[in-house]
Amino acid sequence: MKNTDTITDIMIDNAGKLCMKPESEQFTLIYRSATEVHWDNEKKRLYSPEPREWTYLMWYQHIVTVIQTEYRCDLRITSETNWFFVSDHLKNDIIDWDLNYFFR
């Protein structure tokens, strides 16, 4: 059975990593997937490495699909999602992708 969780916060931290905080789920063993998606147990959020070849949008897409594959959980943004240090352009790209991905 597939689960859905809300993304409460999306941010780019001081180290340049894309971070996503789910409302209730915890993904403490995601490192085992060897996908470069990580879990910060202290802050209860997923994060990517600082982008090298991939854009932030590509990392967002990767995190969402890895969590779907590994945990059978859809991570969804909502109108209540908080955005910190994310450009309007990136925010709009993420929202557009999210809508097209989940409602195709």
PDB file of N, CA and C in Angstrom:
ATOM      1  N   MET A   1       0.831  -1.178   0.000  1.00  0.00           N
ATOM      2  CA  MET A   1       0.000   0.000   0.000  1.00  0.00           C
ATOM      3  C   MET A   1       0.881   1.250   0.000  1.00  0.00           C
ATOM      4  N   LYS A   2       0.534   2.202  -0.845  1.00  0.00           N
ATOM      5  CA  LYS A   2       1.321   3.423  -0.966  1.00  0.00           C
ATOM      6  C   LYS A   2       0.846   4.450   0.053  1.00  0.00           C
ATOM      7  N   ASN A   3       1.802   5.159   0.624  1.00  0.00           N
ATOM      8  CA  ASN A   3       1.561   6.182   1.626  1.00  0.00           C
ATOM      9  C   ASN A   3       1.826   7.551   0.994  1.00  0.00           C
ATOM     10  N   THR A   4       1.237   8.591   1.550  1.00  0.00           N
ATOM     11  CA  THR A   4       1.512   9.957   1.111  1.00  0.00           C
ATOM     12  C   THR A   4       1.859  10.793   2.327  1.00  0.00           C
ATOM     13  N   ASP A   5       2.860  11.653   2.167  1.00  0.00           N
ATOM     14  CA  ASP A   5       3.225  12.574   3.234  1.00  0.00           C
ATOM     15  C   ASP A   5       3.441  13.956   2.635  1.00  0.00           C
ATOM     16  N   THR A   6       3.151  14.954   3.415  1.00  0.00           N
ATOM     17  CA  THR A   6       3.293  16.345   2.997  1.00  0.00           C
ATOM     18  C   THR A   6       4.707  16.831   3.269  1.00  0.00           C
ATOM     19  N   ILE A   7       5.241  17.590   2.345  1.00  0.00           N
ATOM     20  CA  ILE A   7       6.524  18.259   2.555  1.00  0.00           C
ATOM     21  C   ILE A   7       6.206  19.595   3.227  1.00  0.00           C
ATOM     22  N   THR A   8       6.650  19.756   4.467  1.00  0.00           N
ATOM     23  CA  THR A   8       6.347  20.993   5.185  1.00  0.00           C
ATOM     24  C   THR A   8       7.314  22.123   4.839  1.00  0.00           C
ATOM     25  N   ASP A   9       8.586  21.775   4.584  1.00  0.00           N
ATOM     26  CA  ASP A   9       9.610  22.784   4.290  1.00  0.00           C
ATOM     27  C   ASP A   9      10.511  22.312   3.163  1.00  0.00           C
ATOM     28  N   ILE A  10      10.856  23.245   2.294  1.00  0.00           N
ATOM     29  CA  ILE A  10      11.889  23.023   1.281  1.00  0.00           C
ATOM     30  C   ILE A  10      12.856  24.185   1.411  1.00  0.00           C
ATOM     31  N   MET A  11      14.138  23.859   1.482  1.00  0.00           N
ATOM     32  CA  MET A  11      15.123  24.927   1.622  1.00  0.00           C
ATOM     33  C   MET A  11      16.447  24.546   0.970  1.00  0.00           C
ATOM     34  N   ILE A  12      17.223  25.569   0.710  1.00  0.00           N
ATOM     35  CA  ILE A  12      18.621  25.384   0.330  1.00  0.00           C
ATOM     36  C   ILE A  12      19.421  25.890   1.519  1.00  0.00           C
ATOM     37  N   ASP A  13      20.163  24.987   2.144  1.00  0.00           N
ATOM     38  CA  ASP A  13      20.875  25.349   3.374  1.00  0.00           C
ATOM     39  C   ASP A  13      22.166  26.097   3.079  1.00  0.00           C
ATOM     40  N   ASN A  14      22.876  26.474   4.134  1.00  0.00           N
ATOM     41  CA  ASN A  14      24.119  27.249   3.995  1.00  0.00           C
ATOM     42  C   ASN A  14      25.201  26.518   3.219  1.00  0.00           C
ATOM     43  N   ALA A  15      25.142  25.189   3.207  1.00  0.00           N
ATOM     44  CA  ALA A  15      26.130  24.396   2.465  1.00  0.00           C
ATOM     45  C   ALA A  15      25.709  24.188   1.012  1.00  0.00           C
ATOM     46  N   GLY A  16      24.538  24.701   0.620  1.00  0.00           N
ATOM     47  CA  GLY A  16      24.073  24.569  -0.758  1.00  0.00           C
ATOM     48  C   GLY A  16      23.306  23.291  -1.021  1.00  0.00           C
ATOM     49  N   LYS A  17      22.905  22.571   0.031  1.00  0.00           N
ATOM     50  CA  LYS A  17      22.162  21.327  -0.138  1.00  0.00           C
ATOM     51  C   LYS A  17      20.660  21.615  -0.197  1.00  0.00           C
ATOM     52  N   LEU A  18      19.968  20.875  -1.041  1.00  0.00           N
ATOM     53  CA  LEU A  18      18.518  20.947  -1.081  1.00  0.00           C
ATOM     54  C   LEU A  18      17.980  20.075   0.047  1.00  0.00           C
ATOM     55  N   CYS A  19      17.150  20.657   0.905  1.00  0.00           N
ATOM     56  CA  CYS A  19      16.596  19.947   2.066  1.00  0.00           C
ATOM     57  C   CYS A  19      15.075  19.949   1.986  1.00  0.00           C
ATOM     58  N   MET A  20      14.484  18.826   2.382  1.00  0.00           N
ATOM     59  CA  MET A  20      13.023  18.673   2.357  1.00  0.00           C
ATOM     60  C   MET A  20      12.584  18.015   3.653  1.00  0.00           C
ATOM     61  N   LYS A  21      11.662  18.650   4.350  1.00  0.00           N
ATOM     62  CA  LYS A  21      11.192  18.109   5.623  1.00  0.00           C
ATOM     63  C   LYS A  21       9.786  17.536   5.453  1.00  0.00           C
ATOM     64  N   PRO A  22       9.640  16.210   5.608  1.00  0.00           N
ATOM     65  CA  PRO A  22       8.306  15.610   5.551  1.00  0.00           C
ATOM     66  C   PRO A  22       7.553  15.880   6.856  1.00  0.00           C
ATOM     67  N   GLU A  23       6.245  15.893   6.759  1.00  0.00           N
ATOM     68  CA  GLU A  23       5.428  16.187   7.934  1.00  0.00           C
ATOM     69  C   GLU A  23       5.528  15.096   8.999  1.00  0.00           C
ATOM     70  N   SER A  24       5.428  13.835   8.601  1.00  0.00           N
ATOM     71  CA  SER A  24       5.393  12.787   9.623  1.00  0.00           C
ATOM     72  C   SER A  24       6.357  11.619   9.380  1.00  0.00           C
ATOM     73  N   GLU A  25       6.622  11.291   8.145  1.00  0.00           N
ATOM     74  CA  GLU A  25       7.485  10.139   7.847  1.00  0.00           C
ATOM     75  C   GLU A  25       8.942  10.447   8.176  1.00  0.00           C
ATOM     76  N   GLN A  26       9.684   9.386   8.507  1.00  0.00           N
ATOM     77  CA  GLN A  26      11.126   9.487   8.717  1.00  0.00           C
ATOM     78  C   GLN A  26      11.803   8.425   7.855  1.00  0.00           C
ATOM     79  N   PHE A  27      12.890   8.809   7.227  1.00  0.00           N
ATOM     80  CA  PHE A  27      13.567   7.931   6.267  1.00  0.00           C
ATOM     81  C   PHE A  27      14.999   7.663   6.730  1.00  0.00           C
ATOM     82  N   THR A  28      15.112   7.121   7.921  1.00  0.00           N
ATOM     83  CA  THR A  28      16.413   6.964   8.570  1.00  0.00           C
ATOM     84  C   THR A  28      17.363   6.014   7.858  1.00  0.00           C
ATOM     85  N   LEU A  29      16.847   5.101   7.074  1.00  0.00           N
ATOM     86  CA  LEU A  29      17.705   4.113   6.403  1.00  0.00           C
ATOM     87  C   LEU A  29      17.904   4.398   4.915  1.00  0.00           C
ATOM     88  N   ILE A  30      17.560   5.594   4.468  1.00  0.00           N
ATOM     89  CA  ILE A  30      17.648   5.909   3.037  1.00  0.00           C
ATOM     90  C   ILE A  30      19.080   5.812   2.519  1.00  0.00           C
ATOM     91  N   TYR A  31      20.065   5.987   3.373  1.00  0.00           N
ATOM     92  CA  TYR A  31      21.470   5.888   2.935  1.00  0.00           C
ATOM     93  C   TYR A  31      21.764   4.518   2.323  1.00  0.00           C
ATOM     94  N   ARG A  32      21.019   3.494   2.742  1.00  0.00           N
ATOM     95  CA  ARG A  32      21.241   2.146   2.214  1.00  0.00           C
ATOM     96  C   ARG A  32      20.927   2.025   0.730  1.00  0.00           C
ATOM     97  N   SER A  33      20.154   2.972   0.205  1.00  0.00           N
ATOM     98  CA  SER A  33      19.783   2.911  -1.214  1.00  0.00           C
ATOM     99  C   SER A  33      20.938   3.310  -2.126  1.00  0.00           C
ATOM    100  N   ALA A  34      21.996   3.887  -1.568  1.00  0.00           N
ATOM    101  CA  ALA A  34      23.175   4.311  -2.340  1.00  0.00           C
ATOM    102  C   ALA A  34      22.790   5.228  -3.504  1.00  0.00           C
ATOM    103  N   THR A  35      21.894   6.196  -3.222  1.00  0.00           N
ATOM    104  CA  THR A  35      21.383   7.109  -4.244  1.00  0.00           C
ATOM    105  C   THR A  35      21.802   8.558  -3.999  1.00  0.00           C
ATOM    106  N   GLU A  36      22.652   8.786  -2.999  1.00  0.00           N
ATOM    107  CA  GLU A  36      23.088  10.113  -2.564  1.00  0.00           C
ATOM    108  C   GLU A  36      21.960  10.933  -1.935  1.00  0.00           C
ATOM    109  N   VAL A  37      20.867  10.281  -1.576  1.00  0.00           N
ATOM    110  CA  VAL A  37      19.811  10.924  -0.801  1.00  0.00           C
ATOM    111  C   VAL A  37      20.093  10.588   0.656  1.00  0.00           C
ATOM    112  N   HIS A  38      20.065  11.605   1.512  1.00  0.00           N
ATOM    113  CA  HIS A  38      20.440  11.431   2.910  1.00  0.00           C
ATOM    114  C   HIS A  38      19.326  11.884   3.843  1.00  0.00           C
ATOM    115  N   TRP A  39      19.388  11.410   5.091  1.00  0.00           N
ATOM    116  CA  TRP A  39      18.440  11.780   6.129  1.00  0.00           C
ATOM    117  C   TRP A  39      19.205  12.425   7.285  1.00  0.00           C
ATOM    118  N   ASP A  40      18.768  13.611   7.697  1.00  0.00           N
ATOM    119  CA  ASP A  40      19.323  14.294   8.857  1.00  0.00           C
ATOM    120  C   ASP A  40      18.401  13.980  10.032  1.00  0.00           C
ATOM    121  N   ASN A  41      18.842  13.087  10.908  1.00  0.00           N
ATOM    122  CA  ASN A  41      17.992  12.627  12.008  1.00  0.00           C
ATOM    123  C   ASN A  41      17.714  13.726  13.029  1.00  0.00           C
ATOM    124  N   GLU A  42      18.656  14.627  13.193  1.00  0.00           N
ATOM    125  CA  GLU A  42      18.474  15.727  14.148  1.00  0.00           C
ATOM    126  C   GLU A  42      17.412  16.716  13.663  1.00  0.00           C
ATOM    127  N   LYS A  43      17.471  17.067  12.380  1.00  0.00           N
ATOM    128  CA  LYS A  43      16.526  18.052  11.826  1.00  0.00           C
ATOM    129  C   LYS A  43      15.316  17.404  11.164  1.00  0.00           C
ATOM    130  N   LYS A  44      15.305  16.069  11.103  1.00  0.00           N
ATOM    131  CA  LYS A  44      14.182  15.295  10.541  1.00  0.00           C
ATOM    132  C   LYS A  44      13.870  15.725   9.114  1.00  0.00           C
ATOM    133  N   ARG A  45      14.915  15.704   8.275  1.00  0.00           N
ATOM    134  CA  ARG A  45      14.713  16.095   6.882  1.00  0.00           C
ATOM    135  C   ARG A  45      15.640  15.324   5.945  1.00  0.00           C
ATOM    136  N   LEU A  46      15.189  15.230   4.711  1.00  0.00           N
ATOM    137  CA  LEU A  46      15.975  14.647   3.628  1.00  0.00           C
ATOM    138  C   LEU A  46      16.859  15.735   3.042  1.00  0.00           C
ATOM    139  N   TYR A  47      17.998  15.328   2.491  1.00  0.00           N
ATOM    140  CA  TYR A  47      18.819  16.321   1.805  1.00  0.00           C
ATOM    141  C   TYR A  47      19.661  15.673   0.725  1.00  0.00           C
ATOM    142  N   SER A  48      20.044  16.503  -0.223  1.00  0.00           N
ATOM    143  CA  SER A  48      20.909  16.090  -1.329  1.00  0.00           C
ATOM    144  C   SER A  48      22.313  16.602  -1.055  1.00  0.00           C
ATOM    145  N   PRO A  49      23.285  16.096  -1.801  1.00  0.00           N
ATOM    146  CA  PRO A  49      24.599  16.752  -1.752  1.00  0.00           C
ATOM    147  C   PRO A  49      24.486  18.115  -2.446  1.00  0.00           C
ATOM    148  N   GLU A  50      25.492  18.928  -2.280  1.00  0.00           N
ATOM    149  CA  GLU A  50      25.519  20.188  -3.023  1.00  0.00           C
ATOM    150  C   GLU A  50      25.558  19.837  -4.510  1.00  0.00           C
ATOM    151  N   PRO A  51      24.693  20.468  -5.322  1.00  0.00           N
ATOM    152  CA  PRO A  51      24.656  20.112  -6.748  1.00  0.00           C
ATOM    153  C   PRO A  51      26.006  20.302  -7.437  1.00  0.00           C
ATOM    154  N   ARG A  52      26.348  19.308  -8.242  1.00  0.00           N
ATOM    155  CA  ARG A  52      27.546  19.378  -9.072  1.00  0.00           C
ATOM    156  C   ARG A  52      27.079  19.404 -10.526  1.00  0.00           C
ATOM    157  N   GLU A  53      26.725  18.249 -11.056  1.00  0.00           N
ATOM    158  CA  GLU A  53      26.225  18.196 -12.429  1.00  0.00           C
ATOM    159  C   GLU A  53      24.716  18.418 -12.485  1.00  0.00           C
ATOM    160  N   TRP A  54      24.033  18.043 -11.422  1.00  0.00           N
ATOM    161  CA  TRP A  54      22.575  18.145 -11.399  1.00  0.00           C
ATOM    162  C   TRP A  54      22.124  19.496 -10.847  1.00  0.00           C
ATOM    163  N   THR A  55      20.962  19.949 -11.323  1.00  0.00           N
ATOM    164  CA  THR A  55      20.351  21.169 -10.802  1.00  0.00           C
ATOM    165  C   THR A  55      19.552  20.836  -9.540  1.00  0.00           C
ATOM    166  N   TYR A  56      19.119  21.865  -8.852  1.00  0.00           N
ATOM    167  CA  TYR A  56      18.259  21.642  -7.682  1.00  0.00           C
ATOM    168  C   TYR A  56      16.948  20.957  -8.081  1.00  0.00           C
ATOM    169  N   LEU A  57      16.410  21.323  -9.220  1.00  0.00           N
ATOM    170  CA  LEU A  57      15.184  20.669  -9.687  1.00  0.00           C
ATOM    171  C   LEU A  57      15.424  19.177  -9.904  1.00  0.00           C
ATOM    172  N   MET A  58      16.540  18.835 -10.497  1.00  0.00           N
ATOM    173  CA  MET A  58      16.852  17.424 -10.713  1.00  0.00           C
ATOM    174  C   MET A  58      16.999  16.689  -9.379  1.00  0.00           C
ATOM    175  N   TRP A  59      17.591  17.335  -8.384  1.00  0.00           N
ATOM    176  CA  TRP A  59      17.718  16.712  -7.062  1.00  0.00           C
ATOM    177  C   TRP A  59      16.359  16.543  -6.410  1.00  0.00           C
ATOM    178  N   TYR A  60      15.487  17.533  -6.550  1.00  0.00           N
ATOM    179  CA  TYR A  60      14.134  17.408  -6.006  1.00  0.00           C
ATOM    180  C   TYR A  60      13.440  16.192  -6.626  1.00  0.00           C
ATOM    181  N   GLN A  61      13.493  16.097  -7.942  1.00  0.00           N
ATOM    182  CA  GLN A  61      12.874  14.979  -8.661  1.00  0.00           C
ATOM    183  C   GLN A  61      13.459  13.647  -8.192  1.00  0.00           C
ATOM    184  N   HIS A  62      14.766  13.616  -8.037  1.00  0.00           N
ATOM    185  CA  HIS A  62      15.453  12.396  -7.612  1.00  0.00           C
ATOM    186  C   HIS A  62      15.010  11.973  -6.211  1.00  0.00           C
ATOM    187  N   ILE A  63      14.982  12.912  -5.276  1.00  0.00           N
ATOM    188  CA  ILE A  63      14.573  12.588  -3.912  1.00  0.00           C
ATOM    189  C   ILE A  63      13.147  12.043  -3.896  1.00  0.00           C
ATOM    190  N   VAL A  64      12.239  12.707  -4.579  1.00  0.00           N
ATOM    191  CA  VAL A  64      10.840  12.264  -4.602  1.00  0.00           C
ATOM    192  C   VAL A  64      10.724  10.857  -5.183  1.00  0.00           C
ATOM    193  N   THR A  65      11.411  10.588  -6.274  1.00  0.00           N
ATOM    194  CA  THR A  65      11.296   9.271  -6.904  1.00  0.00           C
ATOM    195  C   THR A  65      12.010   8.185  -6.101  1.00  0.00           C
ATOM    196  N   VAL A  66      13.122   8.518  -5.459  1.00  0.00           N
ATOM    197  CA  VAL A  66      13.815   7.533  -4.611  1.00  0.00           C
ATOM    198  C   VAL A  66      12.925   7.151  -3.428  1.00  0.00           C
ATOM    199  N   ILE A  67      12.308   8.111  -2.788  1.00  0.00           N
ATOM    200  CA  ILE A  67      11.418   7.822  -1.661  1.00  0.00           C
ATOM    201  C   ILE A  67      10.220   7.001  -2.123  1.00  0.00           C
ATOM    202  N   GLN A  68       9.738   7.287  -3.305  1.00  0.00           N
ATOM    203  CA  GLN A  68       8.637   6.497  -3.867  1.00  0.00           C
ATOM    204  C   GLN A  68       9.059   5.045  -4.069  1.00  0.00           C
ATOM    205  N   THR A  69      10.225   4.853  -4.626  1.00  0.00           N
ATOM    206  CA  THR A  69      10.728   3.512  -4.917  1.00  0.00           C
ATOM    207  C   THR A  69      11.106   2.744  -3.656  1.00  0.00           C
ATOM    208  N   GLU A  70      11.846   3.385  -2.763  1.00  0.00           N
ATOM    209  CA  GLU A  70      12.382   2.706  -1.590  1.00  0.00           C
ATOM    210  C   GLU A  70      11.361   2.547  -0.456  1.00  0.00           C
ATOM    211  N   TYR A  71      10.444   3.518  -0.332  1.00  0.00           N
ATOM    212  CA  TYR A  71       9.513   3.516   0.800  1.00  0.00           C
ATOM    213  C   TYR A  71       8.042   3.454   0.391  1.00  0.00           C
ATOM    214  N   ARG A  72       7.786   3.435  -0.910  1.00  0.00           N
ATOM    215  CA  ARG A  72       6.397   3.456  -1.395  1.00  0.00           C
ATOM    216  C   ARG A  72       5.617   4.610  -0.762  1.00  0.00           C
ATOM    217  N   CYS A  73       6.239   5.783  -0.769  1.00  0.00           N
ATOM    218  CA  CYS A  73       5.646   6.979  -0.182  1.00  0.00           C
ATOM    219  C   CYS A  73       5.747   8.138  -1.168  1.00  0.00           C
ATOM    220  N   ASP A  74       4.619   8.781  -1.408  1.00  0.00           N
ATOM    221  CA  ASP A  74       4.597   9.978  -2.248  1.00  0.00           C
ATOM    222  C   ASP A  74       4.812  11.199  -1.368  1.00  0.00           C
ATOM    223  N   LEU A  75       5.867  11.928  -1.626  1.00  0.00           N
ATOM    224  CA  LEU A  75       6.109  13.192  -0.931  1.00  0.00           C
ATOM    225  C   LEU A  75       5.490  14.298  -1.760  1.00  0.00           C
ATOM    226  N   ARG A  76       4.593  15.071  -1.157  1.00  0.00           N
ATOM    227  CA  ARG A  76       3.836  16.069  -1.899  1.00  0.00           C
ATOM    228  C   ARG A  76       3.990  17.456  -1.296  1.00  0.00           C
ATOM    229  N   ILE A  77       4.171  18.433  -2.154  1.00  0.00           N
ATOM    230  CA  ILE A  77       4.122  19.813  -1.705  1.00  0.00           C
ATOM    231  C   ILE A  77       2.654  20.243  -1.671  1.00  0.00           C
ATOM    232  N   THR A  78       2.369  21.252  -0.865  1.00  0.00           N
ATOM    233  CA  THR A  78       1.016  21.808  -0.780  1.00  0.00           C
ATOM    234  C   THR A  78       1.129  23.321  -0.741  1.00  0.00           C
ATOM    235  N   SER A  79       0.007  23.977  -0.688  1.00  0.00           N
ATOM    236  CA  SER A  79       0.013  25.444  -0.554  1.00  0.00           C
ATOM    237  C   SER A  79       0.570  25.871   0.801  1.00  0.00           C
ATOM    238  N   GLU A  80       0.658  24.930   1.730  1.00  0.00           N
ATOM    239  CA  GLU A  80       1.191  25.212   3.069  1.00  0.00           C
ATOM    240  C   GLU A  80       2.698  24.954   3.183  1.00  0.00           C
ATOM    241  N   THR A  81       3.307  24.414   2.137  1.00  0.00           N
ATOM    242  CA  THR A  81       4.748  24.157   2.169  1.00  0.00           C
ATOM    243  C   THR A  81       5.502  25.475   2.328  1.00  0.00           C
ATOM    244  N   ASN A  82       6.457  25.488   3.243  1.00  0.00           N
ATOM    245  CA  ASN A  82       7.301  26.670   3.476  1.00  0.00           C
ATOM    246  C   ASN A  82       8.543  26.569   2.604  1.00  0.00           C
ATOM    247  N   TRP A  83       8.938  27.682   2.016  1.00  0.00           N
ATOM    248  CA  TRP A  83      10.098  27.738   1.129  1.00  0.00           C
ATOM    249  C   TRP A  83      11.117  28.694   1.727  1.00  0.00           C
ATOM    250  N   PHE A  84      12.355  28.215   1.911  1.00  0.00           N
ATOM    251  CA  PHE A  84      13.408  29.036   2.495  1.00  0.00           C
ATOM    252  C   PHE A  84      14.622  29.039   1.570  1.00  0.00           C
ATOM    253  N   PHE A  85      15.039  30.229   1.171  1.00  0.00           N
ATOM    254  CA  PHE A  85      16.238  30.422   0.348  1.00  0.00           C
ATOM    255  C   PHE A  85      16.131  29.692  -0.991  1.00  0.00           C
ATOM    256  N   VAL A  86      14.908  29.599  -1.516  1.00  0.00           N
ATOM    257  CA  VAL A  86      14.628  28.986  -2.813  1.00  0.00           C
ATOM    258  C   VAL A  86      14.151  30.107  -3.725  1.00  0.00           C
ATOM    259  N   SER A  87      14.767  30.254  -4.881  1.00  0.00           N
ATOM    260  CA  SER A  87      14.357  31.311  -5.803  1.00  0.00           C
ATOM    261  C   SER A  87      12.925  31.067  -6.297  1.00  0.00           C
ATOM    262  N   ASP A  88      12.263  32.131  -6.700  1.00  0.00           N
ATOM    263  CA  ASP A  88      10.905  31.996  -7.241  1.00  0.00           C
ATOM    264  C   ASP A  88      10.902  31.103  -8.475  1.00  0.00           C
ATOM    265  N   HIS A  89      11.950  31.215  -9.279  1.00  0.00           N
ATOM    266  CA  HIS A  89      12.050  30.393 -10.490  1.00  0.00           C
ATOM    267  C   HIS A  89      12.101  28.906 -10.132  1.00  0.00           C
ATOM    268  N   LEU A  90      12.955  28.546  -9.185  1.00  0.00           N
ATOM    269  CA  LEU A  90      13.064  27.144  -8.773  1.00  0.00           C
ATOM    270  C   LEU A  90      11.765  26.682  -8.124  1.00  0.00           C
ATOM    271  N   LYS A  91      11.188  27.498  -7.268  1.00  0.00           N
ATOM    272  CA  LYS A  91       9.914  27.149  -6.631  1.00  0.00           C
ATOM    273  C   LYS A  91       8.851  26.840  -7.684  1.00  0.00           C
ATOM    274  N   ASN A  92       8.735  27.687  -8.683  1.00  0.00           N
ATOM    275  CA  ASN A  92       7.748  27.471  -9.749  1.00  0.00           C
ATOM    276  C   ASN A  92       8.050  26.215 -10.551  1.00  0.00           C
ATOM    277  N   ASP A  93       9.323  25.952 -10.810  1.00  0.00           N
ATOM    278  CA  ASP A  93       9.701  24.728 -11.528  1.00  0.00           C
ATOM    279  C   ASP A  93       9.334  23.480 -10.729  1.00  0.00           C
ATOM    280  N   ILE A  94       9.571  23.511  -9.419  1.00  0.00           N
ATOM    281  CA  ILE A  94       9.222  22.371  -8.566  1.00  0.00           C
ATOM    282  C   ILE A  94       7.716  22.172  -8.526  1.00  0.00           C
ATOM    283  N   ILE A  95       6.969  23.251  -8.362  1.00  0.00           N
ATOM    284  CA  ILE A  95       5.506  23.154  -8.333  1.00  0.00           C
ATOM    285  C   ILE A  95       4.981  22.592  -9.654  1.00  0.00           C
ATOM    286  N   ASP A  96       5.487  23.091 -10.775  1.00  0.00           N
ATOM    287  CA  ASP A  96       5.059  22.599 -12.092  1.00  0.00           C
ATOM    288  C   ASP A  96       5.365  21.121 -12.256  1.00  0.00           C
ATOM    289  N   TRP A  97       6.577  20.714 -11.899  1.00  0.00           N
ATOM    290  CA  TRP A  97       6.937  19.304 -12.028  1.00  0.00           C
ATOM    291  C   TRP A  97       6.055  18.444 -11.143  1.00  0.00           C
ATOM    292  N   ASP A  98       5.853  18.882  -9.903  1.00  0.00           N
ATOM    293  CA  ASP A  98       5.043  18.130  -8.948  1.00  0.00           C
ATOM    294  C   ASP A  98       3.616  17.906  -9.487  1.00  0.00           C
ATOM    295  N   LEU A  99       3.029  18.953 -10.005  1.00  0.00           N
ATOM    296  CA  LEU A  99       1.678  18.847 -10.561  1.00  0.00           C
ATOM    297  C   LEU A  99       1.634  17.887 -11.747  1.00  0.00           C
ATOM    298  N   ASN A 100       2.608  17.994 -12.633  1.00  0.00           N
ATOM    299  CA  ASN A 100       2.642  17.129 -13.808  1.00  0.00           C
ATOM    300  C   ASN A 100       2.980  15.680 -13.442  1.00  0.00           C
ATOM    301  N   TYR A 101       3.818  15.490 -12.456  1.00  0.00           N
ATOM    302  CA  TYR A 101       4.233  14.145 -12.068  1.00  0.00           C
ATOM    303  C   TYR A 101       3.109  13.373 -11.385  1.00  0.00           C
ATOM    304  N   PHE A 102       2.432  14.019 -10.463  1.00  0.00           N
ATOM    305  CA  PHE A 102       1.422  13.319  -9.682  1.00  0.00           C
ATOM    306  C   PHE A 102       0.034  13.341 -10.320  1.00  0.00           C
ATOM    307  N   PHE A 103      -0.171  14.214 -11.282  1.00  0.00           N
ATOM    308  CA  PHE A 103      -1.502  14.296 -11.892  1.00  0.00           C
ATOM    309  C   PHE A 103      -1.473  14.055 -13.394  1.00  0.00           C
ATOM    310  N   ARG A 104      -0.541  13.234 -13.830  1.00  0.00           N
ATOM    311  CA  ARG A 104      -0.439  12.920 -15.255  1.00  0.00           C
ATOM    312  C   ARG A 104      -1.446  11.867 -15.659  1.00  0.00           C
TER     313      ARG A 104
END
